[in-house]
């Protein structure tokens, strides 16, 4: 599947807007970023939470750089066949990475069907 960066980012924004308010309202000092690929250039990683989970924040306050939820465009396009599948995968990636912000690990996400 092919899609330019601007169109992909629009889909990410639309899926982010569709998430429940109670999931989004608790996000403090978090930015959402779209990048083409992970630093290693692989297509294996769809997203990444880069920051400290709420459960690990003992010192956090003024002057801290924001945590980041990164969604990788090219890996998503490599695993999806059409736009509907792409929307679903972006949605799952956002939920998965936001869950890491709340301190939910990959094992629990697998149990819940979000990994």
PDB file of N, CA and C in Angstrom:
ATOM      1  N   UNK A   1       0.845  -1.179   0.000  1.00  0.00           N
ATOM      2  CA  UNK A   1       0.000   0.000   0.000  1.00  0.00           C
ATOM      3  C   UNK A   1       0.890   1.240   0.000  1.00  0.00           C
ATOM      4  N   UNK A   2       0.443   2.289  -0.686  1.00  0.00           N
ATOM      5  CA  UNK A   2       1.182   3.542  -0.720  1.00  0.00           C
ATOM      6  C   UNK A   2       0.290   4.678  -0.251  1.00  0.00           C
ATOM      7  N   UNK A   3       0.918   5.637   0.460  1.00  0.00           N
ATOM      8  CA  UNK A   3       0.208   6.822   0.922  1.00  0.00           C
ATOM      9  C   UNK A   3       1.260   7.858   1.303  1.00  0.00           C
ATOM     10  N   UNK A   4       1.033   9.097   0.888  1.00  0.00           N
ATOM     11  CA  UNK A   4       2.004  10.135   1.222  1.00  0.00           C
ATOM     12  C   UNK A   4       1.920  10.481   2.708  1.00  0.00           C
ATOM     13  N   UNK A   5       2.946  11.174   3.182  1.00  0.00           N
ATOM     14  CA  UNK A   5       3.075  11.471   4.610  1.00  0.00           C
ATOM     15  C   UNK A   5       1.904  12.314   5.128  1.00  0.00           C
ATOM     16  N   UNK A   6       1.469  13.304   4.358  1.00  0.00           N
ATOM     17  CA  UNK A   6       0.385  14.181   4.807  1.00  0.00           C
ATOM     18  C   UNK A   6      -0.932  13.409   4.959  1.00  0.00           C
ATOM     19  N   UNK A   7      -1.238  12.539   4.016  1.00  0.00           N
ATOM     20  CA  UNK A   7      -2.469  11.741   4.097  1.00  0.00           C
ATOM     21  C   UNK A   7      -2.421  10.781   5.273  1.00  0.00           C
ATOM     22  N   UNK A   8      -1.260  10.165   5.492  1.00  0.00           N
ATOM     23  CA  UNK A   8      -1.098   9.249   6.614  1.00  0.00           C
ATOM     24  C   UNK A   8      -1.275  10.003   7.932  1.00  0.00           C
ATOM     25  N   UNK A   9      -0.663  11.156   8.047  1.00  0.00           N
ATOM     26  CA  UNK A   9      -0.796  11.946   9.270  1.00  0.00           C
ATOM     27  C   UNK A   9      -2.253  12.333   9.514  1.00  0.00           C
ATOM     28  N   UNK A  10      -2.990  12.636   8.465  1.00  0.00           N
ATOM     29  CA  UNK A  10      -4.417  12.946   8.605  1.00  0.00           C
ATOM     30  C   UNK A  10      -5.186  11.764   9.172  1.00  0.00           C
ATOM     31  N   UNK A  11      -4.837  10.546   8.732  1.00  0.00           N
ATOM     32  CA  UNK A  11      -5.484   9.347   9.282  1.00  0.00           C
ATOM     33  C   UNK A  11      -5.150   9.174  10.760  1.00  0.00           C
ATOM     34  N   UNK A  12      -3.904   9.429  11.119  1.00  0.00           N
ATOM     35  CA  UNK A  12      -3.502   9.310  12.530  1.00  0.00           C
ATOM     36  C   UNK A  12      -4.295  10.304  13.373  1.00  0.00           C
ATOM     37  N   UNK A  13      -4.423  11.526  12.903  1.00  0.00           N
ATOM     38  CA  UNK A  13      -5.178  12.546  13.639  1.00  0.00           C
ATOM     39  C   UNK A  13      -6.638  12.136  13.774  1.00  0.00           C
ATOM     40  N   UNK A  14      -7.227  11.620  12.705  1.00  0.00           N
ATOM     41  CA  UNK A  14      -8.624  11.184  12.747  1.00  0.00           C
ATOM     42  C   UNK A  14      -8.813  10.045  13.745  1.00  0.00           C
ATOM     43  N   UNK A  15      -7.896   9.091  13.761  1.00  0.00           N
ATOM     44  CA  UNK A  15      -8.006   7.977  14.712  1.00  0.00           C
ATOM     45  C   UNK A  15      -7.759   8.443  16.144  1.00  0.00           C
ATOM     46  N   UNK A  16      -6.870   9.387  16.322  1.00  0.00           N
ATOM     47  CA  UNK A  16      -6.631   9.952  17.644  1.00  0.00           C
ATOM     48  C   UNK A  16      -7.882  10.670  18.146  1.00  0.00           C
ATOM     49  N   UNK A  17      -8.527  11.424  17.274  1.00  0.00           N
ATOM     50  CA  UNK A  17      -9.768  12.123  17.628  1.00  0.00           C
ATOM     51  C   UNK A  17     -10.905  11.158  17.956  1.00  0.00           C
ATOM     52  N   UNK A  18     -10.855   9.954  17.400  1.00  0.00           N
ATOM     53  CA  UNK A  18     -11.913   8.965  17.619  1.00  0.00           C
ATOM     54  C   UNK A  18     -11.748   8.189  18.930  1.00  0.00           C
ATOM     55  N   UNK A  19     -10.595   8.318  19.576  1.00  0.00           N
ATOM     56  CA  UNK A  19     -10.373   7.597  20.837  1.00  0.00           C
ATOM     57  C   UNK A  19     -11.241   8.184  21.941  1.00  0.00           C
ATOM     58  N   UNK A  20     -11.618   7.373  22.924  1.00  0.00           N
ATOM     59  CA  UNK A  20     -12.464   7.870  24.024  1.00  0.00           C
ATOM     60  C   UNK A  20     -11.782   8.994  24.811  1.00  0.00           C
ATOM     61  N   UNK A  21     -12.576   9.972  25.211  1.00  0.00           N
ATOM     62  CA  UNK A  21     -12.038  11.109  25.966  1.00  0.00           C
ATOM     63  C   UNK A  21     -11.310  10.681  27.229  1.00  0.00           C
ATOM     64  N   UNK A  22     -11.828   9.667  27.923  1.00  0.00           N
ATOM     65  CA  UNK A  22     -11.191   9.272  29.183  1.00  0.00           C
ATOM     66  C   UNK A  22      -9.810   8.656  28.951  1.00  0.00           C
ATOM     67  N   UNK A  23      -9.533   8.194  27.756  1.00  0.00           N
ATOM     68  CA  UNK A  23      -8.203   7.682  27.425  1.00  0.00           C
ATOM     69  C   UNK A  23      -7.247   8.842  27.145  1.00  0.00           C
ATOM     70  N   UNK A  24      -7.749   9.880  26.501  1.00  0.00           N
ATOM     71  CA  UNK A  24      -6.935  11.004  26.064  1.00  0.00           C
ATOM     72  C   UNK A  24      -6.771  12.055  27.162  1.00  0.00           C
ATOM     73  N   UNK A  25      -7.815  12.280  27.951  1.00  0.00           N
ATOM     74  CA  UNK A  25      -7.793  13.353  28.939  1.00  0.00           C
ATOM     75  C   UNK A  25      -6.673  13.214  29.967  1.00  0.00           C
ATOM     76  N   UNK A  26      -6.259  12.003  30.261  1.00  0.00           N
ATOM     77  CA  UNK A  26      -5.210  11.799  31.254  1.00  0.00           C
ATOM     78  C   UNK A  26      -3.805  11.972  30.737  1.00  0.00           C
ATOM     79  N   UNK A  27      -3.655  12.160  29.439  1.00  0.00           N
ATOM     80  CA  UNK A  27      -2.321  12.311  28.858  1.00  0.00           C
ATOM     81  C   UNK A  27      -1.776  13.684  29.219  1.00  0.00           C
ATOM     82  N   UNK A  28      -0.685  13.692  29.956  1.00  0.00           N
ATOM     83  CA  UNK A  28      -0.079  14.930  30.391  1.00  0.00           C
ATOM     84  C   UNK A  28       1.326  15.034  29.817  1.00  0.00           C
ATOM     85  N   UNK A  29       1.596  16.111  29.087  1.00  0.00           N
ATOM     86  CA  UNK A  29       2.915  16.365  28.527  1.00  0.00           C
ATOM     87  C   UNK A  29       3.328  15.257  27.547  1.00  0.00           C
ATOM     88  N   UNK A  30       2.403  14.907  26.643  1.00  0.00           N
ATOM     89  CA  UNK A  30       2.644  13.880  25.626  1.00  0.00           C
ATOM     90  C   UNK A  30       2.349  14.484  24.253  1.00  0.00           C
ATOM     91  N   UNK A  31       3.251  14.266  23.311  1.00  0.00           N
ATOM     92  CA  UNK A  31       3.017  14.691  21.933  1.00  0.00           C
ATOM     93  C   UNK A  31       2.943  13.456  21.042  1.00  0.00           C
ATOM     94  N   UNK A  32       2.210  13.577  19.957  1.00  0.00           N
ATOM     95  CA  UNK A  32       2.073  12.505  18.978  1.00  0.00           C
ATOM     96  C   UNK A  32       2.850  12.906  17.732  1.00  0.00           C
ATOM     97  N   UNK A  33       3.675  11.980  17.244  1.00  0.00           N
ATOM     98  CA  UNK A  33       4.577  12.249  16.135  1.00  0.00           C
ATOM     99  C   UNK A  33       4.429  11.137  15.100  1.00  0.00           C
ATOM    100  N   UNK A  34       4.457  11.518  13.830  1.00  0.00           N
ATOM    101  CA  UNK A  34       4.497  10.539  12.746  1.00  0.00           C
ATOM    102  C   UNK A  34       5.890  10.602  12.136  1.00  0.00           C
ATOM    103  N   UNK A  35       6.523   9.447  12.014  1.00  0.00           N
ATOM    104  CA  UNK A  35       7.822   9.337  11.356  1.00  0.00           C
ATOM    105  C   UNK A  35       7.729   8.237  10.310  1.00  0.00           C
ATOM    106  N   UNK A  36       8.610   8.291   9.315  1.00  0.00           N
ATOM    107  CA  UNK A  36       8.571   7.290   8.247  1.00  0.00           C
ATOM    108  C   UNK A  36       8.929   5.899   8.750  1.00  0.00           C
ATOM    109  N   UNK A  37      10.070   5.796   9.467  1.00  0.00           N
ATOM    110  CA  UNK A  37      10.560   4.497   9.944  1.00  0.00           C
ATOM    111  C   UNK A  37      11.262   4.672  11.283  1.00  0.00           C
ATOM    112  N   UNK A  38      11.402   3.569  12.020  1.00  0.00           N
ATOM    113  CA  UNK A  38      12.231   3.621  13.226  1.00  0.00           C
ATOM    114  C   UNK A  38      13.681   3.938  12.860  1.00  0.00           C
ATOM    115  N   UNK A  39      14.452   4.351  13.861  1.00  0.00           N
ATOM    116  CA  UNK A  39      15.849   4.736  13.628  1.00  0.00           C
ATOM    117  C   UNK A  39      16.668   3.642  12.956  1.00  0.00           C
ATOM    118  N   UNK A  40      16.363   2.371  13.257  1.00  0.00           N
ATOM    119  CA  UNK A  40      17.149   1.280  12.669  1.00  0.00           C
ATOM    120  C   UNK A  40      16.733   0.972  11.230  1.00  0.00           C
ATOM    121  N   UNK A  41      15.716   1.674  10.719  1.00  0.00           N
ATOM    122  CA  UNK A  41      15.291   1.501   9.336  1.00  0.00           C
ATOM    123  C   UNK A  41      14.397   0.309   9.080  1.00  0.00           C
ATOM    124  N   UNK A  42      14.076  -0.447  10.121  1.00  0.00           N
ATOM    125  CA  UNK A  42      13.283  -1.661   9.941  1.00  0.00           C
ATOM    126  C   UNK A  42      11.812  -1.339   9.696  1.00  0.00           C
ATOM    127  N   UNK A  43      11.096  -2.346   9.251  1.00  0.00           N
ATOM    128  CA  UNK A  43       9.648  -2.234   9.067  1.00  0.00           C
ATOM    129  C   UNK A  43       8.894  -3.057  10.115  1.00  0.00           C
ATOM    130  N   UNK A  44       9.602  -3.479  11.163  1.00  0.00           N
ATOM    131  CA  UNK A  44       9.013  -4.364  12.169  1.00  0.00           C
ATOM    132  C   UNK A  44       8.241  -3.642  13.267  1.00  0.00           C
ATOM    133  N   UNK A  45       8.505  -2.367  13.470  1.00  0.00           N
ATOM    134  CA  UNK A  45       7.916  -1.629  14.583  1.00  0.00           C
ATOM    135  C   UNK A  45       6.893  -0.638  14.056  1.00  0.00           C
ATOM    136  N   UNK A  46       5.649  -0.742  14.549  1.00  0.00           N
ATOM    137  CA  UNK A  46       4.583   0.143  14.085  1.00  0.00           C
ATOM    138  C   UNK A  46       4.508   1.430  14.887  1.00  0.00           C
ATOM    139  N   UNK A  47       4.879   1.362  16.161  1.00  0.00           N
ATOM    140  CA  UNK A  47       4.804   2.543  17.008  1.00  0.00           C
ATOM    141  C   UNK A  47       5.735   2.405  18.193  1.00  0.00           C
ATOM    142  N   UNK A  48       5.895   3.519  18.918  1.00  0.00           N
ATOM    143  CA  UNK A  48       6.789   3.529  20.061  1.00  0.00           C
ATOM    144  C   UNK A  48       6.316   4.572  21.054  1.00  0.00           C
ATOM    145  N   UNK A  49       6.329   4.204  22.344  1.00  0.00           N
ATOM    146  CA  UNK A  49       6.125   5.189  23.405  1.00  0.00           C
ATOM    147  C   UNK A  49       7.495   5.546  23.938  1.00  0.00           C
ATOM    148  N   UNK A  50       7.873   6.803  23.822  1.00  0.00           N
ATOM    149  CA  UNK A  50       9.175   7.286  24.253  1.00  0.00           C
ATOM    150  C   UNK A  50       8.960   8.226  25.438  1.00  0.00           C
ATOM    151  N   UNK A  51       9.087   7.678  26.650  1.00  0.00           N
ATOM    152  CA  UNK A  51       8.875   8.491  27.839  1.00  0.00           C
ATOM    153  C   UNK A  51       8.778   7.633  29.080  1.00  0.00           C
ATOM    154  N   UNK A  52       8.283   8.246  30.142  1.00  0.00           N
ATOM    155  CA  UNK A  52       8.121   7.565  31.430  1.00  0.00           C
ATOM    156  C   UNK A  52       6.649   7.293  31.683  1.00  0.00           C
ATOM    157  N   UNK A  53       6.328   6.040  31.948  1.00  0.00           N
ATOM    158  CA  UNK A  53       4.953   5.672  32.287  1.00  0.00           C
ATOM    159  C   UNK A  53       4.541   6.355  33.583  1.00  0.00           C
ATOM    160  N   UNK A  54       3.260   6.612  33.736  1.00  0.00           N
ATOM    161  CA  UNK A  54       2.755   7.215  34.970  1.00  0.00           C
ATOM    162  C   UNK A  54       3.184   6.418  36.199  1.00  0.00           C
ATOM    163  N   UNK A  55       3.238   5.111  36.063  1.00  0.00           N
ATOM    164  CA  UNK A  55       3.591   4.254  37.198  1.00  0.00           C
ATOM    165  C   UNK A  55       5.062   4.354  37.568  1.00  0.00           C
ATOM    166  N   UNK A  56       5.879   4.988  36.717  1.00  0.00           N
ATOM    167  CA  UNK A  56       7.314   5.111  36.966  1.00  0.00           C
ATOM    168  C   UNK A  56       7.751   6.546  37.219  1.00  0.00           C
ATOM    169  N   UNK A  57       6.804   7.452  37.295  1.00  0.00           N
ATOM    170  CA  UNK A  57       7.146   8.866  37.457  1.00  0.00           C
ATOM    171  C   UNK A  57       7.213   9.233  38.926  1.00  0.00           C
ATOM    172  N   UNK A  58       8.413   9.245  39.479  1.00  0.00           N
ATOM    173  CA  UNK A  58       8.553   9.698  40.855  1.00  0.00           C
ATOM    174  C   UNK A  58       8.962  11.169  40.894  1.00  0.00           C
ATOM    175  N   UNK A  59       9.626  11.609  39.853  1.00  0.00           N
ATOM    176  CA  UNK A  59       9.993  13.013  39.734  1.00  0.00           C
ATOM    177  C   UNK A  59       9.659  13.439  38.309  1.00  0.00           C
ATOM    178  N   UNK A  60       8.705  14.319  38.188  1.00  0.00           N
ATOM    179  CA  UNK A  60       8.287  14.750  36.861  1.00  0.00           C
ATOM    180  C   UNK A  60       7.628  16.104  37.019  1.00  0.00           C
ATOM    181  N   UNK A  61       8.056  17.060  36.290  1.00  0.00           N
ATOM    182  CA  UNK A  61       7.438  18.368  36.454  1.00  0.00           C
ATOM    183  C   UNK A  61       7.929  19.382  35.465  1.00  0.00           C
ATOM    184  N   UNK A  62       8.010  20.603  35.907  1.00  0.00           N
ATOM    185  CA  UNK A  62       8.347  21.733  35.059  1.00  0.00           C
ATOM    186  C   UNK A  62       9.711  21.519  34.403  1.00  0.00           C
ATOM    187  N   UNK A  63       9.784  21.814  33.136  1.00  0.00           N
ATOM    188  CA  UNK A  63      11.041  21.705  32.415  1.00  0.00           C
ATOM    189  C   UNK A  63      11.282  20.359  31.763  1.00  0.00           C
ATOM    190  N   UNK A  64      10.420  19.398  31.997  1.00  0.00           N
ATOM    191  CA  UNK A  64      10.588  18.079  31.383  1.00  0.00           C
ATOM    192  C   UNK A  64      10.171  18.142  29.912  1.00  0.00           C
ATOM    193  N   UNK A  65      10.953  17.513  29.060  1.00  0.00           N
ATOM    194  CA  UNK A  65      10.548  17.385  27.666  1.00  0.00           C
ATOM    195  C   UNK A  65       9.315  16.493  27.602  1.00  0.00           C
ATOM    196  N   UNK A  66       8.444  16.729  26.641  1.00  0.00           N
ATOM    197  CA  UNK A  66       7.256  15.885  26.561  1.00  0.00           C
ATOM    198  C   UNK A  66       7.601  14.448  26.172  1.00  0.00           C
ATOM    199  N   UNK A  67       6.809  13.510  26.678  1.00  0.00           N
ATOM    200  CA  UNK A  67       6.880  12.138  26.204  1.00  0.00           C
ATOM    201  C   UNK A  67       6.346  12.145  24.779  1.00  0.00           C
ATOM    202  N   UNK A  68       6.705  11.097  24.022  1.00  0.00           N
ATOM    203  CA  UNK A  68       6.261  11.027  22.637  1.00  0.00           C
ATOM    204  C   UNK A  68       5.618   9.679  22.341  1.00  0.00           C
ATOM    205  N   UNK A  69       4.537   9.726  21.600  1.00  0.00           N
ATOM    206  CA  UNK A  69       3.978   8.543  20.975  1.00  0.00           C
ATOM    207  C   UNK A  69       4.306   8.684  19.498  1.00  0.00           C
ATOM    208  N   UNK A  70       5.110   7.750  18.994  1.00  0.00           N
ATOM    209  CA  UNK A  70       5.545   7.805  17.604  1.00  0.00           C
ATOM    210  C   UNK A  70       4.800   6.735  16.809  1.00  0.00           C
ATOM    211  N   UNK A  71       4.224   7.130  15.691  1.00  0.00           N
ATOM    212  CA  UNK A  71       3.563   6.206  14.774  1.00  0.00           C
ATOM    213  C   UNK A  71       4.390   6.188  13.491  1.00  0.00           C
ATOM    214  N   UNK A  72       4.810   4.993  13.080  1.00  0.00           N
ATOM    215  CA  UNK A  72       5.673   4.854  11.906  1.00  0.00           C
ATOM    216  C   UNK A  72       4.847   4.553  10.658  1.00  0.00           C
ATOM    217  N   UNK A  73       4.990   5.412   9.662  1.00  0.00           N
ATOM    218  CA  UNK A  73       4.187   5.333   8.435  1.00  0.00           C
ATOM    219  C   UNK A  73       4.534   4.116   7.573  1.00  0.00           C
ATOM    220  N   UNK A  74       5.789   3.948   7.204  1.00  0.00           N
ATOM    221  CA  UNK A  74       6.148   2.896   6.261  1.00  0.00           C
ATOM    222  C   UNK A  74       5.863   1.485   6.790  1.00  0.00           C
ATOM    223  N   UNK A  75       6.140   1.186   8.052  1.00  0.00           N
ATOM    224  CA  UNK A  75       5.768  -0.141   8.555  1.00  0.00           C
ATOM    225  C   UNK A  75       4.256  -0.393   8.500  1.00  0.00           C
ATOM    226  N   UNK A  76       3.461   0.636   8.794  1.00  0.00           N
ATOM    227  CA  UNK A  76       2.004   0.470   8.689  1.00  0.00           C
ATOM    228  C   UNK A  76       1.592   0.160   7.254  1.00  0.00           C
ATOM    229  N   UNK A  77       2.161   0.919   6.319  1.00  0.00           N
ATOM    230  CA  UNK A  77       1.801   0.699   4.914  1.00  0.00           C
ATOM    231  C   UNK A  77       2.247  -0.670   4.428  1.00  0.00           C
ATOM    232  N   UNK A  78       3.346  -1.182   4.988  1.00  0.00           N
ATOM    233  CA  UNK A  78       3.863  -2.492   4.576  1.00  0.00           C
ATOM    234  C   UNK A  78       2.965  -3.642   5.028  1.00  0.00           C
ATOM    235  N   UNK A  79       2.220  -3.470   6.125  1.00  0.00           N
ATOM    236  CA  UNK A  79       1.408  -4.574   6.653  1.00  0.00           C
ATOM    237  C   UNK A  79      -0.076  -4.453   6.316  1.00  0.00           C
ATOM    238  N   UNK A  80      -0.480  -3.350   5.708  1.00  0.00           N
ATOM    239  CA  UNK A  80      -1.900  -3.139   5.422  1.00  0.00           C
ATOM    240  C   UNK A  80      -2.167  -3.185   3.920  1.00  0.00           C
ATOM    241  N   UNK A  81      -3.320  -3.732   3.562  1.00  0.00           N
ATOM    242  CA  UNK A  81      -3.671  -3.864   2.156  1.00  0.00           C
ATOM    243  C   UNK A  81      -4.601  -2.768   1.656  1.00  0.00           C
ATOM    244  N   UNK A  82      -5.361  -2.150   2.564  1.00  0.00           N
ATOM    245  CA  UNK A  82      -6.280  -1.100   2.138  1.00  0.00           C
ATOM    246  C   UNK A  82      -6.454  -0.087   3.275  1.00  0.00           C
ATOM    247  N   UNK A  83      -7.176   0.981   2.987  1.00  0.00           N
ATOM    248  CA  UNK A  83      -7.302   2.065   3.962  1.00  0.00           C
ATOM    249  C   UNK A  83      -8.072   1.646   5.211  1.00  0.00           C
ATOM    250  N   UNK A  84      -9.068   0.793   5.070  1.00  0.00           N
ATOM    251  CA  UNK A  84      -9.805   0.326   6.253  1.00  0.00           C
ATOM    252  C   UNK A  84      -8.891  -0.440   7.197  1.00  0.00           C
ATOM    253  N   UNK A  85      -8.085  -1.321   6.643  1.00  0.00           N
ATOM    254  CA  UNK A  85      -7.134  -2.075   7.464  1.00  0.00           C
ATOM    255  C   UNK A  85      -6.107  -1.127   8.087  1.00  0.00           C
ATOM    256  N   UNK A  86      -5.695  -0.125   7.326  1.00  0.00           N
ATOM    257  CA  UNK A  86      -4.732   0.852   7.824  1.00  0.00           C
ATOM    258  C   UNK A  86      -5.313   1.638   9.003  1.00  0.00           C
ATOM    259  N   UNK A  87      -6.558   2.075   8.887  1.00  0.00           N
ATOM    260  CA  UNK A  87      -7.208   2.786   9.993  1.00  0.00           C
ATOM    261  C   UNK A  87      -7.257   1.913  11.246  1.00  0.00           C
ATOM    262  N   UNK A  88      -7.630   0.655  11.079  1.00  0.00           N
ATOM    263  CA  UNK A  88      -7.695  -0.264  12.218  1.00  0.00           C
ATOM    264  C   UNK A  88      -6.318  -0.439  12.866  1.00  0.00           C
ATOM    265  N   UNK A  89      -5.297  -0.568  12.048  1.00  0.00           N
ATOM    266  CA  UNK A  89      -3.945  -0.778  12.573  1.00  0.00           C
ATOM    267  C   UNK A  89      -3.425   0.478  13.276  1.00  0.00           C
ATOM    268  N   UNK A  90      -3.709   1.639  12.726  1.00  0.00           N
ATOM    269  CA  UNK A  90      -3.322   2.891  13.377  1.00  0.00           C
ATOM    270  C   UNK A  90      -4.028   3.007  14.727  1.00  0.00           C
ATOM    271  N   UNK A  91      -5.310   2.693  14.757  1.00  0.00           N
ATOM    272  CA  UNK A  91      -6.088   2.730  15.998  1.00  0.00           C
ATOM    273  C   UNK A  91      -5.461   1.812  17.053  1.00  0.00           C
ATOM    274  N   UNK A  92      -5.156   0.591  16.656  1.00  0.00           N
ATOM    275  CA  UNK A  92      -4.550  -0.377  17.580  1.00  0.00           C
ATOM    276  C   UNK A  92      -3.199   0.126  18.075  1.00  0.00           C
ATOM    277  N   UNK A  93      -2.397   0.694  17.182  1.00  0.00           N
ATOM    278  CA  UNK A  93      -1.081   1.218  17.559  1.00  0.00           C
ATOM    279  C   UNK A  93      -1.226   2.356  18.562  1.00  0.00           C
ATOM    280  N   UNK A  94      -2.148   3.270  18.320  1.00  0.00           N
ATOM    281  CA  UNK A  94      -2.356   4.375  19.256  1.00  0.00           C
ATOM    282  C   UNK A  94      -2.766   3.870  20.632  1.00  0.00           C
ATOM    283  N   UNK A  95      -3.730   2.959  20.674  1.00  0.00           N
ATOM    284  CA  UNK A  95      -4.172   2.407  21.961  1.00  0.00           C
ATOM    285  C   UNK A  95      -3.003   1.720  22.658  1.00  0.00           C
ATOM    286  N   UNK A  96      -2.237   0.941  21.920  1.00  0.00           N
ATOM    287  CA  UNK A  96      -1.099   0.211  22.473  1.00  0.00           C
ATOM    288  C   UNK A  96      -0.078   1.165  23.096  1.00  0.00           C
ATOM    289  N   UNK A  97       0.296   2.213  22.370  1.00  0.00           N
ATOM    290  CA  UNK A  97       1.322   3.132  22.864  1.00  0.00           C
ATOM    291  C   UNK A  97       0.797   4.007  24.000  1.00  0.00           C
ATOM    292  N   UNK A  98      -0.452   4.421  23.937  1.00  0.00           N
ATOM    293  CA  UNK A  98      -1.047   5.185  25.043  1.00  0.00           C
ATOM    294  C   UNK A  98      -1.116   4.322  26.294  1.00  0.00           C
ATOM    295  N   UNK A  99      -1.384   3.036  26.120  1.00  0.00           N
ATOM    296  CA  UNK A  99      -1.412   2.120  27.270  1.00  0.00           C
ATOM    297  C   UNK A  99      -0.061   2.088  27.969  1.00  0.00           C
ATOM    298  N   UNK A 100       1.025   2.168  27.213  1.00  0.00           N
ATOM    299  CA  UNK A 100       2.353   2.217  27.834  1.00  0.00           C
ATOM    300  C   UNK A 100       2.501   3.474  28.693  1.00  0.00           C
ATOM    301  N   UNK A 101       1.915   4.593  28.274  1.00  0.00           N
ATOM    302  CA  UNK A 101       1.933   5.809  29.089  1.00  0.00           C
ATOM    303  C   UNK A 101       1.294   5.530  30.451  1.00  0.00           C
ATOM    304  N   UNK A 102       0.216   4.772  30.449  1.00  0.00           N
ATOM    305  CA  UNK A 102      -0.498   4.459  31.684  1.00  0.00           C
ATOM    306  C   UNK A 102       0.142   3.312  32.467  1.00  0.00           C
ATOM    307  N   UNK A 103       1.250   2.763  31.965  1.00  0.00           N
ATOM    308  CA  UNK A 103       1.976   1.735  32.694  1.00  0.00           C
ATOM    309  C   UNK A 103       1.559   0.313  32.381  1.00  0.00           C
ATOM    310  N   UNK A 104       0.825   0.103  31.306  1.00  0.00           N
ATOM    311  CA  UNK A 104       0.397  -1.236  30.918  1.00  0.00           C
ATOM    312  C   UNK A 104       1.478  -1.831  30.024  1.00  0.00           C
ATOM    313  N   UNK A 105       2.009  -2.980  30.401  1.00  0.00           N
ATOM    314  CA  UNK A 105       3.119  -3.580  29.653  1.00  0.00           C
ATOM    315  C   UNK A 105       2.620  -4.449  28.504  1.00  0.00           C
ATOM    316  N   UNK A 106       3.572  -4.899  27.662  1.00  0.00           N
ATOM    317  CA  UNK A 106       3.221  -5.688  26.473  1.00  0.00           C
ATOM    318  C   UNK A 106       2.506  -6.984  26.824  1.00  0.00           C
ATOM    319  N   UNK A 107       2.915  -7.632  27.906  1.00  0.00           N
ATOM    320  CA  UNK A 107       2.271  -8.890  28.294  1.00  0.00           C
ATOM    321  C   UNK A 107       0.779  -8.681  28.553  1.00  0.00           C
ATOM    322  N   UNK A 108       0.457  -7.643  29.294  1.00  0.00           N
ATOM    323  CA  UNK A 108      -0.953  -7.349  29.597  1.00  0.00           C
ATOM    324  C   UNK A 108      -1.696  -6.934  28.325  1.00  0.00           C
ATOM    325  N   UNK A 109      -1.027  -6.171  27.458  1.00  0.00           N
ATOM    326  CA  UNK A 109      -1.655  -5.775  26.205  1.00  0.00           C
ATOM    327  C   UNK A 109      -1.974  -6.994  25.342  1.00  0.00           C
ATOM    328  N   UNK A 110      -1.097  -7.990  25.335  1.00  0.00           N
ATOM    329  CA  UNK A 110      -1.377  -9.236  24.616  1.00  0.00           C
ATOM    330  C   UNK A 110      -2.611  -9.912  25.198  1.00  0.00           C
ATOM    331  N   UNK A 111      -2.695  -9.966  26.518  1.00  0.00           N
ATOM    332  CA  UNK A 111      -3.860 -10.569  27.177  1.00  0.00           C
ATOM    333  C   UNK A 111      -5.155  -9.860  26.788  1.00  0.00           C
ATOM    334  N   UNK A 112      -5.067  -8.533  26.635  1.00  0.00           N
ATOM    335  CA  UNK A 112      -6.244  -7.734  26.310  1.00  0.00           C
ATOM    336  C   UNK A 112      -6.544  -7.666  24.809  1.00  0.00           C
ATOM    337  N   UNK A 113      -5.627  -8.212  23.999  1.00  0.00           N
ATOM    338  CA  UNK A 113      -5.819  -8.225  22.556  1.00  0.00           C
ATOM    339  C   UNK A 113      -5.383  -6.947  21.848  1.00  0.00           C
ATOM    340  N   UNK A 114      -4.534  -6.141  22.475  1.00  0.00           N
ATOM    341  CA  UNK A 114      -4.073  -4.889  21.901  1.00  0.00           C
ATOM    342  C   UNK A 114      -2.611  -4.956  21.474  1.00  0.00           C
ATOM    343  N   UNK A 115      -2.087  -6.137  21.275  1.00  0.00           N
ATOM    344  CA  UNK A 115      -0.688  -6.254  20.865  1.00  0.00           C
ATOM    345  C   UNK A 115      -0.549  -7.352  19.815  1.00  0.00           C
TER     346      UNK A 115
END
